[in-house]
């Protein structure tokens, strides 16, 4: 039987069968979706928060035109994620569902089909990792750094109130004489509420900040009698089905004010020069606070590829033959993502410890 490539519909059927992974930001905070029909994302088409109450008018008068922020003309051009890998039916595979692992399958067709499936799954996982990395940076920092081949490094600023990005200095760090962690947290919660009308419900702590808070709770610090490490069963814990195992570690709930978690996720990615770099959305000495709903939007531009008829898809996949010597079968995937916090003032980031 002759080996053939998959058509576009068959590739996307395989993509749909890749079991989605539950991630903290894309699963909890970025639960809205916008698929542009163009290669740019128009912010005019993105829903935004409002805390305005509806006006009251006489029953004999027409309604008042609603005007929230005026017209926003900003458009964003997402950078592309592009992956392509030759299909190599070498014969060493991971176990598939309900089937024992095999090392060297004698049937070429089975080897080839499994190699293709695993390549598609790997590409989807890599693209999903990039989505999560972008969502984490956008939510924590209120901005997004775009770096890609052939495009200068640029930053998209989502307009978070500058007062919600705090950098403390010596003498005001947590642990310095006279500095109250509890009062600091209460002030930060109030700042977010004043800017957005919503109070944060949970916070992420960098590694060093989490260690400091745990020490305060264990020793005779101000948090000793205020920290509750017994999360209830009401489903409020963000570790309950909304993150990968080990992605966050519970620290505790402070006097019913806010639930705290340690977050030290590090992402690995390939730079333009092909070297491997790492990125930590939250520094070890930082804390980030979030409301339950920051109107996080996973937005995608249409794929500029004639093979897909410029389709509007989060992921466009293709399987084709690359002519030449040697002739190779290739699996390729593209995505044009940008993660948008629609309510950036419902978040805060602070550096609370020194180096």
Protein backbone atom coordinates (compact mmCIF):
# COMPACT_ATOMS: atom_id res chain seq x y z
CA UNK A 1 0.00 0.00 0.00
CA UNK A 2 1.37 3.37 -1.01
CA UNK A 3 2.01 5.98 1.68
CA UNK A 4 -0.05 9.12 1.13
CA UNK A 5 -0.18 12.45 2.91
CA UNK A 6 -3.18 13.63 4.92
CA UNK A 7 -5.42 16.29 3.48
CA UNK A 8 -6.11 19.44 5.51
CA UNK A 9 -9.36 18.12 7.00
CA UNK A 10 -7.62 14.91 8.12
CA UNK A 11 -4.77 16.89 9.72
CA UNK A 12 -7.24 19.01 11.68
CA UNK A 13 -9.10 15.88 12.75
CA UNK A 14 -5.84 14.66 14.32
CA UNK A 15 -5.30 18.09 15.94
CA UNK A 16 -8.79 17.95 17.49
CA UNK A 17 -7.99 14.55 19.00
CA UNK A 18 -4.89 15.83 20.80
CA UNK A 19 -6.03 15.90 24.42
CA UNK A 20 -5.85 19.52 25.66
CA UNK A 21 -3.64 20.19 28.64
CA UNK A 22 -5.00 22.21 31.52
CA UNK A 23 -2.83 25.28 32.12
CA UNK A 24 -3.11 28.03 34.70
CA UNK A 25 -3.48 31.10 32.49
CA UNK A 26 -5.09 29.79 29.31
CA UNK A 27 -7.50 27.57 31.28
CA UNK A 28 -8.44 29.95 34.12
CA UNK A 29 -7.85 33.57 33.12
CA UNK A 30 -7.95 33.59 29.30
CA UNK A 31 -11.24 31.81 28.68
CA UNK A 32 -12.61 34.14 25.98
CA UNK A 33 -11.79 33.64 22.31
CA UNK A 34 -11.62 35.95 19.31
CA UNK A 35 -10.83 34.67 15.84
CA UNK A 36 -10.12 37.47 13.38
CA UNK A 37 -11.05 36.98 9.75
CA UNK A 38 -7.99 39.05 8.86
CA UNK A 39 -4.28 38.77 9.60
CA UNK A 40 -4.66 41.61 12.13
CA UNK A 41 -6.71 41.81 15.32
CA UNK A 42 -8.84 44.96 15.66
CA UNK A 43 -9.25 45.98 19.29
CA UNK A 44 -12.52 47.68 18.32
CA UNK A 45 -13.94 44.17 17.97
CA UNK A 46 -12.72 43.02 21.39
CA UNK A 47 -15.12 43.33 24.37
CA UNK A 48 -13.87 45.50 27.23
CA UNK A 49 -14.84 45.87 30.86
CA UNK A 50 -17.18 48.54 32.16
CA UNK A 51 -18.27 49.45 35.68
CA UNK A 52 -20.79 52.04 34.47
CA UNK A 53 -24.41 51.79 35.55
CA UNK A 54 -27.06 52.23 32.88
CA UNK A 55 -28.51 55.77 32.67
CA UNK A 56 -32.13 56.54 33.57
CA UNK A 57 -34.23 58.56 31.13
CA UNK A 58 -37.83 59.63 30.80
CA UNK A 59 -40.10 57.04 29.14
CA UNK A 60 -40.87 59.73 26.54
CA UNK A 61 -37.22 60.21 25.54
CA UNK A 62 -34.95 58.06 23.34
CA UNK A 63 -32.18 56.01 24.88
CA UNK A 64 -28.81 57.56 25.61
CA UNK A 65 -26.00 56.50 23.23
CA UNK A 66 -23.55 54.32 25.13
CA UNK A 67 -20.00 55.59 25.05
CA UNK A 68 -17.44 53.84 27.21
CA UNK A 69 -13.96 54.79 26.07
CA UNK A 70 -14.50 56.36 22.67
CA UNK A 71 -13.37 54.62 19.51
CA UNK A 72 -10.20 52.56 19.76
CA UNK A 73 -8.37 52.36 16.47
CA UNK A 74 -5.49 50.19 17.62
CA UNK A 75 -4.87 47.07 15.58
CA UNK A 76 -2.42 44.34 16.48
CA UNK A 77 -0.59 42.17 14.00
CA UNK A 78 0.16 38.84 15.66
CA UNK A 79 3.51 37.28 14.95
CA UNK A 80 3.36 33.80 13.50
CA UNK A 81 4.28 30.56 15.17
CA UNK A 82 5.53 28.26 12.43
CA UNK A 83 6.75 24.69 12.86
CA UNK A 84 7.70 22.13 10.24
CA UNK A 85 9.21 18.70 10.76
CA UNK A 86 10.03 15.85 8.36
CA UNK A 87 8.17 12.63 9.13
CA UNK A 88 10.75 9.97 10.02
CA UNK A 89 9.24 6.50 10.62
CA UNK A 90 12.25 5.28 12.63
CA UNK A 91 10.28 2.81 14.73
CA UNK A 92 10.83 3.93 18.34
CA UNK A 93 7.52 5.24 19.68
CA UNK A 94 5.69 6.10 22.87
CA UNK A 95 2.80 3.85 23.86
CA UNK A 96 -0.49 4.89 22.29
CA UNK A 97 -3.85 4.61 24.05
CA UNK A 98 -4.80 1.05 25.04
CA UNK A 99 -1.77 -0.41 23.35
CA UNK A 100 1.54 -1.69 24.66
CA UNK A 101 4.68 0.20 23.68
CA UNK A 102 6.69 -1.25 20.87
CA UNK A 103 10.29 -0.54 19.98
CA UNK A 104 10.53 -1.64 16.37
CA UNK A 105 7.31 -2.13 14.48
CA UNK A 106 7.83 -4.28 11.41
CA UNK A 107 4.92 -2.80 9.49
CA UNK A 108 6.11 0.30 7.66
CA UNK A 109 2.60 1.73 7.37
CA UNK A 110 2.07 1.52 11.14
CA UNK A 111 5.48 3.06 11.83
CA UNK A 112 4.79 5.87 9.41
CA UNK A 113 1.31 6.61 10.75
CA UNK A 114 2.55 6.68 14.32
CA UNK A 115 5.47 8.96 13.45
CA UNK A 116 3.11 11.39 11.76
CA UNK A 117 0.68 11.37 14.70
CA UNK A 118 3.42 12.00 17.23
CA UNK A 119 4.85 14.85 15.14
CA UNK A 120 1.44 16.55 14.97
CA UNK A 121 0.95 16.09 18.73
CA UNK A 122 4.40 17.53 19.48
CA UNK A 123 3.71 20.60 17.33
CA UNK A 124 0.36 21.22 19.03
CA UNK A 125 1.98 20.95 22.48
CA UNK A 126 4.71 23.42 21.51
CA UNK A 127 2.16 25.90 20.17
CA UNK A 128 0.02 25.54 23.32
CA UNK A 129 3.15 26.21 25.41
CA UNK A 130 3.69 29.44 23.49
CA UNK A 131 0.07 30.45 24.12
CA UNK A 132 0.49 29.85 27.85
CA UNK A 133 3.79 31.74 27.92
CA UNK A 134 2.18 34.74 26.17
CA UNK A 135 -0.89 34.66 28.45
CA UNK A 136 1.28 34.53 31.58
CA UNK A 137 3.37 37.53 30.48
CA UNK A 138 0.31 39.55 29.42
CA UNK A 139 -1.55 38.94 32.68
CA UNK A 140 1.40 39.41 35.03
CA UNK A 141 3.18 42.32 33.34
CA UNK A 142 0.29 44.04 31.54
CA UNK A 143 2.28 43.94 28.33
CA UNK A 144 3.56 41.43 25.80
CA UNK A 145 6.97 41.18 24.15
CA UNK A 146 6.90 40.03 20.53
CA UNK A 147 10.10 38.49 19.18
CA UNK A 148 10.27 36.64 15.88
CA UNK A 149 12.42 36.05 12.81
CA UNK A 150 12.52 39.05 10.51
CA UNK A 151 10.62 41.28 12.95
CA UNK A 152 12.24 43.72 15.40
CA UNK A 153 11.54 43.00 19.07
CA UNK A 154 8.48 45.02 20.05
CA UNK A 155 6.28 45.42 23.11
CA UNK A 156 2.47 45.60 23.17
CA UNK A 157 1.30 47.65 26.18
CA UNK A 158 -2.27 46.82 27.23
CA UNK A 159 -2.68 50.03 29.21
CA UNK A 160 -2.56 48.86 32.80
CA UNK A 161 -2.48 51.76 35.28
CA UNK A 162 1.23 52.42 35.96
CA UNK A 163 0.53 52.49 39.72
CA UNK A 164 -0.30 48.78 39.52
CA UNK A 165 3.32 47.92 38.69
CA UNK A 166 5.27 48.41 41.91
CA UNK A 167 9.02 48.20 42.56
CA UNK A 168 10.00 48.53 46.18
CA UNK A 169 13.40 49.74 47.30
CA UNK A 170 15.67 49.01 50.26
CA UNK A 171 13.96 49.87 53.53
CA UNK A 172 10.52 49.03 52.13
CA UNK A 173 11.16 45.39 51.25
CA UNK A 174 9.22 42.65 52.99
CA UNK A 175 11.35 41.60 55.93
CA UNK A 176 12.84 45.07 56.47
CA UNK A 177 12.30 46.65 59.85
CA UNK A 178 8.84 48.14 60.26
CA UNK A 179 7.45 46.73 57.00
CA UNK A 180 4.13 44.89 57.36
CA UNK A 181 3.36 42.21 54.79
CA UNK A 182 -0.30 42.24 55.76
CA UNK A 183 -0.65 46.01 55.42
CA UNK A 184 1.18 45.88 52.09
CA UNK A 185 -1.17 43.21 50.76
CA UNK A 186 -4.23 45.11 51.96
CA UNK A 187 -2.95 48.25 50.23
CA UNK A 188 -2.32 46.37 46.98
CA UNK A 189 -5.79 44.81 47.04
CA UNK A 190 -7.30 48.25 47.55
CA UNK A 191 -5.26 49.71 44.68
CA UNK A 192 -6.64 47.13 42.26
CA UNK A 193 -10.17 47.72 43.58
CA UNK A 194 -9.82 51.49 43.21
CA UNK A 195 -8.55 51.13 39.62
CA UNK A 196 -11.04 48.51 38.44
CA UNK A 197 -13.90 48.21 40.92
CA UNK A 198 -12.99 44.55 41.51
CA UNK A 199 -10.92 42.99 44.30
CA UNK A 200 -8.28 40.36 43.56
CA UNK A 201 -9.07 36.89 44.84
CA UNK A 202 -5.72 35.14 44.41
CA UNK A 203 -2.04 35.91 44.13
CA UNK A 204 1.03 34.24 42.70
CA UNK A 205 4.30 34.43 44.61
CA UNK A 206 7.79 34.07 43.21
CA UNK A 207 9.97 31.43 44.83
CA UNK A 208 11.71 33.75 47.30
CA UNK A 209 8.50 35.58 48.21
CA UNK A 210 6.72 32.28 48.88
CA UNK A 211 9.57 31.19 51.17
CA UNK A 212 9.37 34.49 53.06
CA UNK A 213 5.61 34.20 53.56
CA UNK A 214 5.93 30.60 54.75
CA UNK A 215 8.57 31.65 57.29
CA UNK A 216 6.29 34.42 58.52
CA UNK A 217 3.54 31.84 59.00
CA UNK A 218 5.78 29.27 60.74
CA UNK A 219 7.67 31.62 63.02
CA UNK A 220 6.39 34.37 65.27
CA UNK A 221 5.73 36.71 62.36
CA UNK A 222 2.60 38.76 61.79
CA UNK A 223 1.14 36.03 59.54
CA UNK A 224 1.48 33.23 62.10
CA UNK A 225 -2.14 33.32 63.24
CA UNK A 226 -3.59 34.64 59.98
CA UNK A 227 -2.39 32.06 57.45
CA UNK A 228 -4.80 29.22 56.73
CA UNK A 229 -3.14 26.45 54.71
CA UNK A 230 -6.25 24.28 54.66
CA UNK A 231 -7.98 25.13 51.41
CA UNK A 232 -11.65 24.26 51.55
CA UNK A 233 -13.70 22.12 49.21
CA UNK A 234 -15.72 24.97 47.70
CA UNK A 235 -13.68 24.87 44.50
CA UNK A 236 -11.99 28.24 45.02
CA UNK A 237 -8.49 26.79 44.92
CA UNK A 238 -6.92 27.40 41.52
CA UNK A 239 -5.08 24.09 41.88
CA UNK A 240 -8.40 22.29 41.61
CA UNK A 241 -8.40 21.15 37.97
CA UNK A 242 -7.12 24.43 36.55
CA UNK A 243 -3.40 23.90 36.35
CA UNK A 244 -0.90 21.18 35.59
CA UNK A 245 0.50 19.18 38.53
CA UNK A 246 3.45 21.10 39.96
CA UNK A 247 2.65 24.30 38.05
CA UNK A 248 1.56 26.06 41.25
CA UNK A 249 1.99 25.15 44.92
CA UNK A 250 -0.51 26.30 47.54
CA UNK A 251 0.91 28.66 50.17
CA UNK A 252 -2.26 29.57 52.05
CA UNK A 253 -5.12 31.99 52.50
CA UNK A 254 -4.36 35.11 54.54
CA UNK A 255 -7.20 36.00 56.87
CA UNK A 256 -9.74 35.41 54.14
CA UNK A 257 -8.24 38.28 52.12
CA UNK A 258 -6.57 36.44 49.28
CA UNK A 259 -5.44 32.93 48.34
CA UNK A 260 -1.71 32.68 47.68
CA UNK A 261 0.22 30.21 45.52
CA UNK A 262 3.86 29.75 44.64
CA UNK A 263 4.47 30.09 40.91
CA UNK A 264 7.94 29.54 39.50
CA UNK A 265 7.15 28.39 35.98
CA UNK A 266 10.02 28.66 33.51
CA UNK A 267 9.41 28.42 29.77
CA UNK A 268 12.02 27.30 27.26
CA UNK A 269 11.89 28.65 23.73
CA UNK A 270 14.05 29.00 20.66
CA UNK A 271 15.52 32.41 19.84
CA UNK A 272 15.91 33.83 16.36
CA UNK A 273 19.55 32.67 16.33
CA UNK A 274 18.33 29.08 17.07
CA UNK A 275 19.71 29.10 20.61
CA UNK A 276 17.49 27.94 23.48
CA UNK A 277 16.48 30.61 26.01
CA UNK A 278 14.36 30.61 29.15
CA UNK A 279 11.65 33.00 30.31
CA UNK A 280 10.12 33.39 33.78
CA UNK A 281 6.89 35.45 33.71
CA UNK A 282 7.12 36.05 37.46
CA UNK A 283 10.47 36.80 39.11
CA UNK A 284 11.56 35.07 42.30
CA UNK A 285 11.18 38.34 44.25
CA UNK A 286 7.81 39.32 42.79
CA UNK A 287 4.13 38.93 43.60
CA UNK A 288 1.20 39.20 41.19
CA UNK A 289 -2.46 39.64 42.16
CA UNK A 290 -5.48 38.79 40.01
CA UNK A 291 -9.24 39.12 40.09
CA UNK A 292 -11.18 36.02 39.13
CA UNK A 293 -12.07 37.51 35.76
CA UNK A 294 -9.57 39.71 33.94
CA UNK A 295 -11.49 39.24 30.66
CA UNK A 296 -8.55 37.33 29.25
CA UNK A 297 -8.93 36.84 25.50
CA UNK A 298 -7.12 34.34 23.32
CA UNK A 299 -7.11 36.20 19.99
CA UNK A 300 -5.91 34.74 16.71
CA UNK A 301 -5.27 36.28 13.33
CA UNK A 302 -6.16 34.44 10.15
CA UNK A 303 -3.38 32.34 8.63
CA UNK A 304 -1.82 33.86 5.51
CA UNK A 305 -1.41 30.60 3.64
CA UNK A 306 -3.06 29.85 0.29
CA UNK A 307 -3.04 26.13 1.08
CA UNK A 308 -5.51 26.80 3.87
CA UNK A 309 -7.48 29.39 1.88
CA UNK A 310 -6.51 32.01 4.47
CA UNK A 311 -8.61 30.16 7.04
CA UNK A 312 -9.36 31.65 10.44
CA UNK A 313 -8.10 28.94 12.77
CA UNK A 314 -6.14 28.97 16.05
CA UNK A 315 -3.88 26.30 14.51
CA UNK A 316 -3.53 25.57 10.80
CA UNK A 317 -1.97 22.21 9.99
CA UNK A 318 -0.66 20.81 6.75
CA UNK A 319 0.91 17.56 5.57
CA UNK A 320 2.73 17.63 2.23
CA UNK A 321 5.59 16.25 0.16
CA UNK A 322 8.72 18.38 -0.13
CA UNK A 323 10.20 17.71 -3.52
CA UNK A 324 13.91 17.37 -4.08
CA UNK A 325 16.60 14.90 -3.17
CA UNK A 326 15.75 13.29 -0.88
CA UNK A 327 12.00 13.64 -1.23
CA UNK A 328 10.45 14.05 2.22
CA UNK A 329 7.07 14.15 3.83
CA UNK A 330 6.61 17.21 6.06
CA UNK A 331 4.16 18.05 8.83
CA UNK A 332 3.75 21.83 9.34
CA UNK A 333 1.66 23.95 11.69
CA UNK A 334 1.03 27.68 11.98
CA UNK A 335 -0.68 29.90 14.53
CA UNK A 336 -1.06 33.68 14.83
CA UNK A 337 -1.83 34.21 18.54
CA UNK A 338 -1.95 37.24 20.77
CA UNK A 339 -3.18 37.06 24.36
CA UNK A 340 -5.11 40.13 25.53
CA UNK A 341 -6.07 40.97 29.14
CA UNK A 342 -9.30 42.85 28.48
CA UNK A 343 -9.32 44.23 32.04
CA UNK A 344 -5.63 44.85 32.79
CA UNK A 345 -6.41 46.96 35.89
CA UNK A 346 -7.71 43.84 37.57
CA UNK A 347 -4.10 42.71 37.91
CA UNK A 348 -1.05 43.97 39.81
CA UNK A 349 2.63 43.10 39.93
CA UNK A 350 5.04 44.13 42.69
CA UNK A 351 8.71 43.49 43.45
CA UNK A 352 8.72 43.09 47.23
CA UNK A 353 12.17 41.61 48.01
CA UNK A 354 15.65 42.81 47.22
CA UNK A 355 18.31 40.91 45.33
